[in-house]
Amino acid sequence: MRVLVTGATGFVGGIVARALVQAGHEVQALVRPQADRRLLADLPLEIVVGDLREFESVRRAMAGCAQVYHVAALYKLWVRRRQDMYESNVTGTENVLRAAETLGVERIVYTSSVATLGCVGDGSLGREDTPVSVSDMLGHYKRSKFLAEQAALTYARRGLPVVVVNPSTPVGIGDLKPTPTGQMIVDFVNGRMPGYVDTGLNLVDVEDVARGHLLAAQRGQIGEKYILGHENLTLQQLFGLLSELTGQTVPRFKVPYALALGAAYGDAALARLIPGREPSIPPVGVKLSKKKMFFDAAKAVRELGLPQTPVREALRKAVSWFRQFGYIKKGVRT
């Protein structure tokens, strides 16, 4: 089957494209002209150069495809121009949905995020149906993904065969940039993690997330959402697992929220003054840390058959991959 993948040069999208190739599909990847294509270098797929923000570009890339996996998104907690976030995440998604409707695509899997879901933040588990509204979305990334998800669900209600998946925090192979979580792993293993904030997240092996996309196309119900996640861990527990894997010491200093937020605002102000610089501690990221982002993936496990690789194994693969590609200093035990 011929399928289109957007965002195939990114972390999740690259692993989704790989899983589709391994499953025997004929894969087309919509890729920006300047994108880093290293994750795709060994895959027998067709690169289609284009831009999600241009409808005709999307329509041309999608022509002849039976399925679409719309994984692409601008994932940043700080941007110099907020419109870039909305053009990529909202307009880009609307272009994909409109093109799929025009061309009569058989199935669309839209990659949303647990960032769009309701979450009390006190350690209780968020689910696909936990009440939430756009007013709960903190920051432009969350808001733009929420609006894009609502667009996907609107198209589904009028008959487009869309299934929504909401990955939690993927870890594992292929994290080129790396993502904020991947960078945290690299910093910990390299001994550059003097302290931590008191928060928590749901982690999942990125290869399970990719498999979840294929299962959503096969078994997912149109107009439904599925959390692709696994284990809920506090940051201290996450560092404990990494310590067992690498021998690095878990940081003892728990950074007070007010101190972290003040440092983040200072870092962001400095970034505004220096062209090309981005804050290493985005204020929105600190604000989000006030809640433990714990979620329940039982629906995806039950209805899709989502694999549940232990997070310890996913972290081991991540550390090994980061070491292989030079992110981790020589001499550090992994």
Protein backbone atom coordinates (compact mmCIF):
# COMPACT_ATOMS: atom_id res chain seq x y z
CA MET A 1 0.00 0.00 0.00
CA ARG A 2 1.26 3.51 -0.84
CA VAL A 3 1.27 5.78 2.22
CA LEU A 4 2.34 9.35 2.94
CA VAL A 5 4.24 10.29 6.08
CA THR A 6 4.72 13.91 7.12
CA GLY A 7 7.43 14.72 9.65
CA ALA A 8 9.48 11.68 8.62
CA THR A 9 12.78 13.48 9.32
CA GLY A 10 11.76 13.98 12.96
CA PHE A 11 12.04 11.70 15.97
CA VAL A 12 8.60 10.02 15.99
CA GLY A 13 7.98 10.46 12.26
CA GLY A 14 11.28 8.82 11.36
CA ILE A 15 10.49 5.74 13.42
CA VAL A 16 6.94 5.63 11.99
CA ALA A 17 8.37 5.73 8.45
CA ARG A 18 10.78 2.92 9.34
CA ALA A 19 7.98 0.79 10.80
CA LEU A 20 5.88 1.30 7.66
CA VAL A 21 8.76 0.27 5.39
CA GLN A 22 9.38 -2.81 7.55
CA ALA A 23 5.67 -3.67 7.28
CA GLY A 24 5.99 -3.71 3.48
CA HIS A 25 4.34 -0.40 2.61
CA GLU A 26 5.43 1.87 -0.22
CA VAL A 27 6.30 5.04 1.68
CA GLN A 28 6.38 8.62 0.47
CA ALA A 29 7.83 11.20 2.85
CA LEU A 30 6.89 14.88 2.59
CA VAL A 31 10.12 16.67 3.50
CA ARG A 32 11.05 20.34 3.73
CA PRO A 33 13.94 21.35 1.42
CA GLN A 34 16.28 22.12 4.33
CA ALA A 35 15.36 19.14 6.54
CA ASP A 36 18.02 16.83 8.00
CA ARG A 37 17.38 13.50 6.26
CA ARG A 38 19.82 11.29 8.16
CA LEU A 39 17.08 9.18 9.77
CA LEU A 40 15.83 8.23 6.30
CA ALA A 41 19.20 7.59 4.63
CA ASP A 42 18.97 3.78 4.76
CA LEU A 43 15.25 3.48 3.99
CA PRO A 44 13.86 2.58 0.53
CA LEU A 45 11.27 5.34 0.39
CA GLU A 46 10.45 8.24 -1.91
CA ILE A 47 11.29 11.77 -0.76
CA VAL A 48 8.78 14.39 -1.86
CA VAL A 49 10.06 17.91 -1.24
CA GLY A 50 7.33 20.30 -0.13
CA ASP A 51 5.86 22.45 2.63
CA LEU A 52 2.85 21.65 4.82
CA ARG A 53 1.89 25.32 4.85
CA GLU A 54 1.16 25.20 1.09
CA PHE A 55 -1.99 23.28 0.19
CA GLU A 56 -0.96 22.40 -3.37
CA SER A 57 2.37 21.09 -2.09
CA VAL A 58 0.51 18.76 0.29
CA ARG A 59 -2.01 17.66 -2.31
CA ARG A 60 0.72 16.75 -4.82
CA ALA A 61 2.60 14.72 -2.21
CA MET A 62 -0.57 12.88 -1.18
CA ALA A 63 -1.80 11.98 -4.66
CA GLY A 64 -2.02 8.20 -5.11
CA CYS A 65 -1.70 7.40 -1.37
CA ALA A 66 -4.27 5.20 0.38
CA GLN A 67 -3.21 6.23 3.89
CA VAL A 68 -1.70 9.33 5.47
CA TYR A 69 0.29 9.54 8.72
CA HIS A 70 0.42 13.22 9.65
CA VAL A 71 3.20 13.25 12.23
CA ALA A 72 4.83 16.60 11.42
CA ALA A 73 4.66 19.41 13.98
CA LEU A 74 6.76 22.28 15.22
CA TYR A 75 7.61 21.08 18.73
CA LYS A 76 9.13 23.91 20.72
CA LEU A 77 8.21 25.49 24.03
CA TRP A 78 9.68 28.84 22.92
CA VAL A 79 9.50 30.50 19.52
CA ARG A 80 10.62 33.93 18.39
CA ARG A 81 7.57 34.28 16.10
CA ARG A 82 4.39 32.70 17.48
CA GLN A 83 2.76 32.64 14.03
CA ASP A 84 5.34 30.06 12.94
CA MET A 85 3.82 27.65 15.48
CA TYR A 86 0.27 28.13 14.26
CA GLU A 87 1.17 28.05 10.56
CA SER A 88 3.03 24.75 11.00
CA ASN A 89 0.74 23.00 13.46
CA VAL A 90 -2.73 24.33 12.65
CA THR A 91 -2.60 25.50 9.02
CA GLY A 92 -0.40 22.52 8.11
CA THR A 93 -2.87 20.08 9.66
CA GLU A 94 -5.85 21.76 7.97
CA ASN A 95 -4.05 21.45 4.62
CA VAL A 96 -3.44 17.73 5.18
CA LEU A 97 -7.08 17.13 6.16
CA ARG A 98 -8.46 19.13 3.23
CA ALA A 99 -6.18 17.37 0.75
CA ALA A 100 -7.13 13.95 2.16
CA GLU A 101 -10.82 14.81 1.82
CA THR A 102 -10.31 16.05 -1.74
CA LEU A 103 -8.38 12.93 -2.78
CA GLY A 104 -10.57 10.38 -0.97
CA VAL A 105 -7.82 8.93 1.26
CA GLU A 106 -8.89 5.70 2.98
CA ARG A 107 -7.42 6.40 6.43
CA ILE A 108 -5.62 9.30 8.15
CA VAL A 109 -3.73 8.90 11.41
CA TYR A 110 -3.20 12.31 13.01
CA THR A 111 -0.41 12.57 15.57
CA SER A 112 -1.57 14.83 18.37
CA SER A 113 -0.02 14.83 21.86
CA VAL A 114 -0.97 14.25 25.48
CA ALA A 115 -0.32 18.01 25.75
CA THR A 116 -3.87 18.49 24.38
CA LEU A 117 -5.53 16.30 27.02
CA GLY A 118 -7.03 17.07 30.37
CA CYS A 119 -4.72 16.40 33.30
CA VAL A 120 -5.39 17.36 36.91
CA GLY A 121 -1.67 17.25 37.66
CA ASP A 122 -1.90 15.90 41.21
CA GLY A 123 -0.75 12.42 40.22
CA SER A 124 -4.15 11.22 39.04
CA LEU A 125 -4.26 9.87 35.49
CA GLY A 126 -5.45 11.85 32.49
CA ARG A 127 -7.47 9.96 29.89
CA GLU A 128 -8.75 10.58 26.40
CA ASP A 129 -12.09 11.82 27.77
CA THR A 130 -10.80 13.89 30.71
CA PRO A 131 -12.56 17.29 30.40
CA VAL A 132 -10.38 20.01 28.87
CA SER A 133 -10.74 23.23 26.85
CA VAL A 134 -8.50 25.58 24.90
CA SER A 135 -8.31 27.85 27.96
CA ASP A 136 -6.37 25.06 29.72
CA MET A 137 -3.64 25.12 27.07
CA LEU A 138 -0.50 26.76 28.45
CA GLY A 139 1.80 28.16 25.77
CA HIS A 140 1.60 28.30 22.00
CA TYR A 141 2.73 24.71 21.40
CA LYS A 142 -0.08 23.22 23.47
CA ARG A 143 -2.63 25.69 22.13
CA SER A 144 -1.67 25.07 18.50
CA LYS A 145 -1.77 21.28 18.94
CA PHE A 146 -5.16 21.52 20.65
CA LEU A 147 -6.58 23.57 17.77
CA ALA A 148 -5.10 21.14 15.23
CA GLU A 149 -6.60 18.16 17.07
CA GLN A 150 -10.00 19.86 17.13
CA ALA A 151 -9.73 20.36 13.35
CA ALA A 152 -9.01 16.64 12.91
CA LEU A 153 -12.01 15.67 15.04
CA THR A 154 -14.25 18.11 13.14
CA TYR A 155 -13.26 16.51 9.83
CA ALA A 156 -13.91 13.06 11.35
CA ARG A 157 -17.41 14.11 12.40
CA ARG A 158 -18.21 15.05 8.82
CA GLY A 159 -17.00 11.71 7.48
CA LEU A 160 -13.24 11.89 6.92
CA PRO A 161 -11.68 8.61 8.21
CA VAL A 162 -9.40 10.20 10.81
CA VAL A 163 -8.00 8.47 13.90
CA VAL A 164 -6.13 10.57 16.48
CA VAL A 165 -3.17 9.29 18.50
CA ASN A 166 -1.78 11.14 21.50
CA PRO A 167 1.80 10.08 22.24
CA SER A 168 3.10 10.84 25.72
CA THR A 169 6.88 11.28 26.12
CA PRO A 170 8.74 8.98 23.71
CA VAL A 171 12.32 7.90 24.37
CA GLY A 172 14.61 5.58 22.45
CA ILE A 173 16.52 5.45 19.18
CA GLY A 174 16.63 8.19 16.56
CA ASP A 175 16.33 11.34 18.70
CA LEU A 176 18.52 13.49 16.46
CA LYS A 177 17.81 17.02 17.70
CA PRO A 178 17.45 15.82 20.53
CA THR A 179 13.99 16.48 22.01
CA PRO A 180 13.82 18.21 25.43
CA THR A 181 13.52 14.81 27.13
CA GLY A 182 16.37 13.40 25.05
CA GLN A 183 18.55 16.39 25.94
CA MET A 184 17.75 15.81 29.61
CA ILE A 185 18.94 12.19 29.27
CA VAL A 186 22.13 13.32 27.53
CA ASP A 187 22.81 15.98 30.17
CA PHE A 188 22.25 13.49 33.00
CA VAL A 189 24.56 10.87 31.51
CA ASN A 190 27.23 13.51 30.80
CA GLY A 191 27.10 14.68 34.43
CA ARG A 192 25.55 18.07 33.61
CA MET A 193 22.44 17.75 35.75
CA PRO A 194 23.08 19.53 39.09
CA GLY A 195 19.41 19.56 40.14
CA TYR A 196 15.88 18.80 39.10
CA VAL A 197 12.34 20.09 39.52
CA ASP A 198 9.63 18.09 41.24
CA THR A 199 7.52 16.87 38.33
CA GLY A 200 6.54 13.70 36.52
CA LEU A 201 5.79 12.39 33.07
CA ASN A 202 4.49 9.39 31.20
CA LEU A 203 7.24 7.72 29.18
CA VAL A 204 7.01 5.24 26.31
CA ASP A 205 9.40 3.55 23.90
CA VAL A 206 9.35 5.48 20.60
CA GLU A 207 9.20 2.17 18.70
CA ASP A 208 5.98 1.32 20.57
CA VAL A 209 4.63 4.74 19.57
CA ALA A 210 5.43 4.00 15.93
CA ARG A 211 3.75 0.61 16.19
CA GLY A 212 0.77 2.36 17.77
CA HIS A 213 0.39 4.50 14.65
CA LEU A 214 0.14 1.44 12.41
CA LEU A 215 -2.27 -0.24 14.82
CA ALA A 216 -4.42 2.91 14.86
CA ALA A 217 -4.69 2.73 11.07
CA GLN A 218 -5.67 -0.95 11.27
CA ARG A 219 -7.89 -1.09 14.36
CA GLY A 220 -8.63 2.45 15.49
CA GLN A 221 -12.18 3.79 15.42
CA ILE A 222 -12.77 6.88 13.27
CA GLY A 223 -13.02 10.03 15.38
CA GLU A 224 -11.51 8.37 18.46
CA LYS A 225 -8.37 9.35 20.39
CA TYR A 226 -5.76 6.92 21.74
CA ILE A 227 -3.04 7.72 24.27
CA LEU A 228 0.22 6.08 23.18
CA GLY A 229 2.01 5.89 26.50
CA HIS A 230 3.23 3.52 29.19
CA GLU A 231 4.90 4.21 32.57
CA ASN A 232 4.27 7.22 34.82
CA LEU A 233 7.47 8.30 36.56
CA THR A 234 8.57 11.23 38.64
CA LEU A 235 11.74 12.92 37.43
CA GLN A 236 13.57 11.47 40.43
CA GLN A 237 12.43 7.95 39.46
CA LEU A 238 13.53 8.56 35.87
CA PHE A 239 16.97 9.62 37.02
CA GLY A 240 17.07 6.57 39.28
CA LEU A 241 16.63 4.30 36.26
CA LEU A 242 19.29 6.21 34.34
CA SER A 243 21.61 5.93 37.32
CA GLU A 244 21.19 2.14 37.36
CA LEU A 245 21.96 2.01 33.64
CA THR A 246 24.95 4.35 33.60
CA GLY A 247 26.37 4.66 37.10
CA GLN A 248 25.78 8.42 37.22
CA THR A 249 24.65 9.84 40.55
CA VAL A 250 21.08 11.07 40.89
CA PRO A 251 21.08 14.84 41.61
CA ARG A 252 20.15 15.64 45.19
CA PHE A 253 19.19 19.29 44.75
CA LYS A 254 15.48 19.81 44.15
CA VAL A 255 15.23 23.19 42.44
CA PRO A 256 12.48 25.39 43.99
CA TYR A 257 9.79 26.34 41.47
CA ALA A 258 10.24 30.09 41.99
CA LEU A 259 13.99 29.85 41.41
CA ALA A 260 13.52 27.79 38.24
CA LEU A 261 10.90 30.19 36.87
CA GLY A 262 13.03 33.25 37.60
CA ALA A 263 16.02 31.69 35.84
CA ALA A 264 13.80 30.77 32.88
CA TYR A 265 12.49 34.31 32.46
CA GLY A 266 16.03 35.66 32.59
CA ASP A 267 17.20 33.12 30.01
CA ALA A 268 14.27 33.96 27.71
CA ALA A 269 14.93 37.69 27.97
CA LEU A 270 18.56 37.11 26.99
CA ALA A 271 17.46 35.00 24.02
CA ARG A 272 15.34 37.90 22.76
CA LEU A 273 18.45 40.07 22.64
CA ILE A 274 20.74 37.62 20.85
CA PRO A 275 19.86 36.62 17.25
CA GLY A 276 19.76 32.85 16.77
CA ARG A 277 19.82 32.07 20.49
CA GLU A 278 17.06 30.07 22.16
CA PRO A 279 16.54 29.75 25.91
CA SER A 280 17.76 26.50 27.41
CA ILE A 281 15.04 26.80 30.06
CA PRO A 282 11.79 28.03 28.43
CA PRO A 283 9.43 29.64 30.98
CA VAL A 284 6.50 27.58 29.67
CA GLY A 285 8.46 24.41 30.37
CA VAL A 286 8.92 25.42 34.00
CA LYS A 287 5.24 26.31 34.32
CA LEU A 288 4.26 22.95 32.88
CA SER A 289 6.45 21.22 35.46
CA LYS A 290 4.06 22.28 38.23
CA LYS A 291 1.83 19.41 37.12
CA LYS A 292 2.71 15.74 37.09
CA MET A 293 1.74 14.78 33.52
CA PHE A 294 0.53 11.27 34.28
CA PHE A 295 -1.73 9.45 31.80
CA ASP A 296 -3.55 6.15 31.32
CA ALA A 297 -2.86 4.29 28.03
CA ALA A 298 -5.29 1.44 28.82
CA LYS A 299 -7.62 2.29 25.91
CA ALA A 300 -4.81 1.97 23.33
CA VAL A 301 -3.56 -1.25 24.94
CA ARG A 302 -7.05 -2.73 25.01
CA GLU A 303 -8.41 -1.58 21.62
CA LEU A 304 -5.25 -1.33 19.51
CA GLY A 305 -2.93 -3.83 21.14
CA LEU A 306 -0.32 -1.13 21.88
CA PRO A 307 2.99 -2.77 22.91
CA GLN A 308 4.33 -1.90 26.37
CA THR A 309 8.12 -2.21 26.30
CA PRO A 310 9.52 -1.49 29.78
CA VAL A 311 10.72 2.12 30.02
CA ARG A 312 14.00 0.91 31.49
CA GLU A 313 14.66 -0.90 28.18
CA ALA A 314 13.64 2.19 26.17
CA LEU A 315 16.06 4.30 28.22
CA ARG A 316 18.82 1.74 27.68
CA LYS A 317 18.26 1.95 23.92
CA ALA A 318 18.24 5.76 24.09
CA VAL A 319 21.51 5.92 26.00
CA SER A 320 23.14 3.41 23.65
CA TRP A 321 21.96 5.37 20.60
CA PHE A 322 23.16 8.70 22.02
CA ARG A 323 26.52 7.13 22.80
CA GLN A 324 26.84 5.62 19.31
CA PHE A 325 26.21 8.99 17.66
CA GLY A 326 28.49 11.04 19.87
CA TYR A 327 26.05 12.83 22.18
CA ILE A 328 27.60 11.21 25.25
CA LYS A 329 31.20 11.91 26.26
CA LYS A 330 33.79 9.20 25.78
CA GLY A 331 34.57 7.32 28.94
CA VAL A 332 31.05 7.55 30.35
CA ARG A 333 29.79 4.05 31.18
CA THR A 334 26.62 3.09 29.32
